[in-house]
Amino acid sequence: MSRIALGGYAALSLVTFATYAWDKLQATRGGRRVPELRLHALSLLGGFAGAALAMGLVRHKTQQLRFHALVTLSFALHAGGWAWWTLR
């Protein structure tokens, strides 16, 4: 995997982590929340590591099975895509 791709994953994971943390803060304050579709999209686009870290460290969305499933699916899709790309 190239450094550019790794940098992209790192940047997207940082944005995803921050978005999850912001949503958690808003949830505790009763403020305006981040739409779940946006959280899912960030994970699917490559921010699955940030999503997983936020779920563990910030304790956000840990009770919702669909979030666990989507983060796992996102990782599997990206890992499979990279495996296919390098082995073709």
N, C-alpha and C. Protein backbone atom coordinates (compact mmCIF):
# COMPACT_ATOMS: atom_id res chain seq x y z
N MET A 1 0.85 -1.17 0.00
CA MET A 1 0.00 0.00 0.00
C MET A 1 0.89 1.24 0.00
N SER A 2 0.52 2.20 -0.77
CA SER A 2 1.36 3.39 -0.90
C SER A 2 1.23 4.31 0.30
N ARG A 3 2.22 5.18 0.45
CA ARG A 3 2.18 6.17 1.54
C ARG A 3 1.01 7.12 1.37
N ILE A 4 0.67 7.42 0.14
CA ILE A 4 -0.46 8.32 -0.11
C ILE A 4 -1.76 7.68 0.38
N ALA A 5 -1.94 6.40 0.07
CA ALA A 5 -3.14 5.69 0.50
C ALA A 5 -3.19 5.61 2.03
N LEU A 6 -2.06 5.29 2.64
CA LEU A 6 -2.02 5.22 4.11
C LEU A 6 -2.31 6.59 4.73
N GLY A 7 -1.77 7.64 4.12
CA GLY A 7 -2.06 8.99 4.60
C GLY A 7 -3.53 9.33 4.47
N GLY A 8 -4.14 8.89 3.39
CA GLY A 8 -5.57 9.10 3.18
C GLY A 8 -6.40 8.40 4.23
N TYR A 9 -6.05 7.14 4.50
CA TYR A 9 -6.75 6.39 5.54
C TYR A 9 -6.57 7.06 6.91
N ALA A 10 -5.37 7.51 7.19
CA ALA A 10 -5.11 8.17 8.47
C ALA A 10 -5.90 9.46 8.60
N ALA A 11 -5.91 10.27 7.55
CA ALA A 11 -6.65 11.53 7.58
C ALA A 11 -8.15 11.30 7.73
N LEU A 12 -8.67 10.34 6.96
CA LEU A 12 -10.10 10.05 7.04
C LEU A 12 -10.47 9.46 8.39
N SER A 13 -9.58 8.65 8.95
CA SER A 13 -9.84 8.09 10.27
C SER A 13 -9.84 9.16 11.34
N LEU A 14 -8.96 10.14 11.20
CA LEU A 14 -8.94 11.26 12.14
C LEU A 14 -10.23 12.07 12.07
N VAL A 15 -10.68 12.34 10.85
CA VAL A 15 -11.95 13.07 10.66
C VAL A 15 -13.11 12.25 11.22
N THR A 16 -13.10 10.95 10.97
CA THR A 16 -14.18 10.09 11.47
C THR A 16 -14.18 10.06 12.99
N PHE A 17 -13.01 9.92 13.60
CA PHE A 17 -12.92 9.92 15.06
C PHE A 17 -13.47 11.23 15.62
N ALA A 18 -13.05 12.34 15.03
CA ALA A 18 -13.52 13.65 15.51
C ALA A 18 -15.03 13.80 15.34
N THR A 19 -15.56 13.27 14.26
CA THR A 19 -17.00 13.36 14.03
C THR A 19 -17.77 12.52 15.05
N TYR A 20 -17.30 11.33 15.34
CA TYR A 20 -17.92 10.49 16.37
C TYR A 20 -17.84 11.18 17.74
N ALA A 21 -16.68 11.75 18.05
CA ALA A 21 -16.50 12.42 19.35
C ALA A 21 -17.44 13.63 19.44
N TRP A 22 -17.57 14.38 18.34
CA TRP A 22 -18.47 15.53 18.33
C TRP A 22 -19.92 15.07 18.54
N ASP A 23 -20.30 14.00 17.88
CA ASP A 23 -21.66 13.48 18.03
C ASP A 23 -21.92 13.03 19.46
N LYS A 24 -20.93 12.41 20.07
CA LYS A 24 -21.07 12.00 21.48
C LYS A 24 -21.25 13.22 22.38
N LEU A 25 -20.45 14.26 22.15
CA LEU A 25 -20.56 15.48 22.94
C LEU A 25 -21.95 16.10 22.76
N GLN A 26 -22.42 16.15 21.54
CA GLN A 26 -23.74 16.71 21.27
C GLN A 26 -24.84 15.85 21.91
N ALA A 27 -24.63 14.54 21.93
CA ALA A 27 -25.62 13.66 22.56
C ALA A 27 -25.72 13.93 24.06
N THR A 28 -24.58 14.15 24.70
CA THR A 28 -24.61 14.41 26.15
C THR A 28 -25.15 15.79 26.46
N ARG A 29 -24.97 16.74 25.54
CA ARG A 29 -25.45 18.11 25.76
C ARG A 29 -26.89 18.32 25.28
N GLY A 30 -27.41 17.37 24.53
CA GLY A 30 -28.73 17.55 23.95
C GLY A 30 -28.73 18.47 22.75
N GLY A 31 -27.58 18.56 22.09
CA GLY A 31 -27.44 19.45 20.92
C GLY A 31 -27.76 18.76 19.62
N ARG A 32 -27.46 19.46 18.54
CA ARG A 32 -27.73 18.93 17.20
C ARG A 32 -26.76 17.80 16.89
N ARG A 33 -27.31 16.64 16.50
CA ARG A 33 -26.52 15.44 16.28
C ARG A 33 -26.04 15.31 14.83
N VAL A 34 -25.03 14.50 14.65
CA VAL A 34 -24.54 14.16 13.33
C VAL A 34 -25.44 13.04 12.79
N PRO A 35 -25.94 13.16 11.57
CA PRO A 35 -26.78 12.10 11.02
C PRO A 35 -26.03 10.77 10.96
N GLU A 36 -26.73 9.69 11.30
CA GLU A 36 -26.11 8.36 11.27
C GLU A 36 -25.58 8.02 9.89
N LEU A 37 -26.27 8.46 8.86
CA LEU A 37 -25.82 8.19 7.49
C LEU A 37 -24.42 8.78 7.25
N ARG A 38 -24.15 9.94 7.82
CA ARG A 38 -22.82 10.56 7.67
C ARG A 38 -21.77 9.72 8.40
N LEU A 39 -22.09 9.24 9.59
CA LEU A 39 -21.15 8.39 10.33
C LEU A 39 -20.87 7.10 9.56
N HIS A 40 -21.92 6.51 8.98
CA HIS A 40 -21.74 5.30 8.18
C HIS A 40 -20.90 5.58 6.94
N ALA A 41 -21.17 6.68 6.27
CA ALA A 41 -20.44 7.02 5.04
C ALA A 41 -18.96 7.22 5.33
N LEU A 42 -18.64 7.89 6.42
CA LEU A 42 -17.22 8.09 6.76
C LEU A 42 -16.51 6.76 6.98
N SER A 43 -17.18 5.84 7.63
CA SER A 43 -16.60 4.51 7.84
C SER A 43 -16.40 3.79 6.51
N LEU A 44 -17.42 3.80 5.68
CA LEU A 44 -17.34 3.10 4.40
C LEU A 44 -16.30 3.70 3.46
N LEU A 45 -16.09 5.01 3.56
CA LEU A 45 -15.10 5.65 2.70
C LEU A 45 -13.66 5.35 3.10
N GLY A 46 -13.47 4.80 4.30
CA GLY A 46 -12.13 4.44 4.73
C GLY A 46 -11.79 4.86 6.14
N GLY A 47 -12.71 5.49 6.82
CA GLY A 47 -12.45 5.94 8.19
C GLY A 47 -12.83 4.92 9.25
N PHE A 48 -12.84 3.65 8.87
CA PHE A 48 -13.27 2.59 9.79
C PHE A 48 -12.38 2.49 11.04
N ALA A 49 -11.09 2.79 10.90
CA ALA A 49 -10.20 2.73 12.07
C ALA A 49 -10.58 3.83 13.07
N GLY A 50 -10.86 5.02 12.59
CA GLY A 50 -11.29 6.11 13.46
C GLY A 50 -12.62 5.81 14.12
N ALA A 51 -13.52 5.19 13.37
CA ALA A 51 -14.82 4.81 13.92
C ALA A 51 -14.64 3.79 15.03
N ALA A 52 -13.82 2.78 14.79
CA ALA A 52 -13.59 1.74 15.80
C ALA A 52 -12.93 2.32 17.05
N LEU A 53 -11.96 3.20 16.86
CA LEU A 53 -11.31 3.84 18.00
C LEU A 53 -12.29 4.69 18.80
N ALA A 54 -13.11 5.46 18.11
CA ALA A 54 -14.09 6.31 18.80
C ALA A 54 -15.10 5.47 19.55
N MET A 55 -15.52 4.37 18.95
CA MET A 55 -16.48 3.50 19.64
C MET A 55 -15.88 2.97 20.93
N GLY A 56 -14.59 2.68 20.92
CA GLY A 56 -13.94 2.17 22.11
C GLY A 56 -13.54 3.24 23.11
N LEU A 57 -12.92 4.31 22.63
CA LEU A 57 -12.39 5.33 23.54
C LEU A 57 -13.44 6.31 24.04
N VAL A 58 -14.32 6.72 23.15
CA VAL A 58 -15.34 7.70 23.51
C VAL A 58 -16.62 7.01 23.98
N ARG A 59 -16.68 5.70 23.76
CA ARG A 59 -17.84 4.89 24.13
C ARG A 59 -19.10 5.41 23.44
N HIS A 60 -19.00 5.57 22.13
CA HIS A 60 -20.13 6.08 21.36
C HIS A 60 -20.61 5.04 20.37
N LYS A 61 -21.90 4.85 20.32
CA LYS A 61 -22.56 3.91 19.41
C LYS A 61 -22.17 2.46 19.69
N THR A 62 -21.81 2.17 20.92
CA THR A 62 -21.36 0.81 21.25
C THR A 62 -22.51 -0.17 21.41
N GLN A 63 -23.71 0.32 21.66
CA GLN A 63 -24.86 -0.56 21.86
C GLN A 63 -25.60 -0.86 20.56
N GLN A 64 -25.21 -0.23 19.48
CA GLN A 64 -25.91 -0.41 18.22
C GLN A 64 -25.15 -1.39 17.32
N LEU A 65 -25.73 -2.55 17.15
CA LEU A 65 -25.09 -3.63 16.38
C LEU A 65 -24.78 -3.20 14.95
N ARG A 66 -25.65 -2.39 14.36
CA ARG A 66 -25.40 -2.01 12.95
C ARG A 66 -24.11 -1.21 12.80
N PHE A 67 -23.72 -0.45 13.83
CA PHE A 67 -22.47 0.29 13.75
C PHE A 67 -21.28 -0.67 13.82
N HIS A 68 -21.34 -1.64 14.71
CA HIS A 68 -20.27 -2.64 14.78
C HIS A 68 -20.17 -3.40 13.46
N ALA A 69 -21.31 -3.79 12.93
CA ALA A 69 -21.34 -4.55 11.68
C ALA A 69 -20.79 -3.72 10.52
N LEU A 70 -21.17 -2.45 10.46
CA LEU A 70 -20.72 -1.62 9.35
C LEU A 70 -19.23 -1.33 9.42
N VAL A 71 -18.69 -1.10 10.60
CA VAL A 71 -17.25 -0.87 10.73
C VAL A 71 -16.49 -2.12 10.30
N THR A 72 -16.96 -3.28 10.73
CA THR A 72 -16.33 -4.55 10.34
C THR A 72 -16.43 -4.77 8.84
N LEU A 73 -17.61 -4.51 8.28
CA LEU A 73 -17.81 -4.65 6.84
C LEU A 73 -16.91 -3.68 6.07
N SER A 74 -16.81 -2.45 6.55
CA SER A 74 -15.96 -1.45 5.89
C SER A 74 -14.52 -1.93 5.84
N PHE A 75 -14.02 -2.41 6.98
CA PHE A 75 -12.65 -2.93 7.02
C PHE A 75 -12.49 -4.08 6.03
N ALA A 76 -13.43 -5.01 6.04
CA ALA A 76 -13.34 -6.18 5.16
C ALA A 76 -13.35 -5.78 3.69
N LEU A 77 -14.21 -4.83 3.33
CA LEU A 77 -14.27 -4.38 1.94
C LEU A 77 -12.97 -3.72 1.50
N HIS A 78 -12.42 -2.87 2.35
CA HIS A 78 -11.17 -2.20 2.00
C HIS A 78 -10.00 -3.19 1.97
N ALA A 79 -9.93 -4.09 2.94
CA ALA A 79 -8.87 -5.10 2.95
C ALA A 79 -8.98 -6.00 1.72
N GLY A 80 -10.19 -6.40 1.40
CA GLY A 80 -10.40 -7.23 0.21
C GLY A 80 -10.04 -6.50 -1.07
N GLY A 81 -10.40 -5.22 -1.13
CA GLY A 81 -10.06 -4.42 -2.30
C GLY A 81 -8.57 -4.27 -2.49
N TRP A 82 -7.85 -4.03 -1.40
CA TRP A 82 -6.40 -3.91 -1.48
C TRP A 82 -5.75 -5.25 -1.82
N ALA A 83 -6.28 -6.33 -1.26
CA ALA A 83 -5.75 -7.66 -1.59
C ALA A 83 -5.94 -7.95 -3.08
N TRP A 84 -7.14 -7.67 -3.59
CA TRP A 84 -7.40 -7.88 -5.00
C TRP A 84 -6.47 -7.02 -5.86
N TRP A 85 -6.33 -5.75 -5.48
CA TRP A 85 -5.50 -4.82 -6.25
C TRP A 85 -4.04 -5.27 -6.33
N THR A 86 -3.52 -5.76 -5.21
CA THR A 86 -2.11 -6.15 -5.20
C THR A 86 -1.87 -7.52 -5.81
N LEU A 87 -2.88 -8.36 -5.84
CA LEU A 87 -2.70 -9.72 -6.37
C LEU A 87 -3.13 -9.89 -7.82
N ARG A 88 -3.66 -8.86 -8.40
CA ARG A 88 -4.17 -9.01 -9.78
C ARG A 88 -3.06 -9.08 -10.79
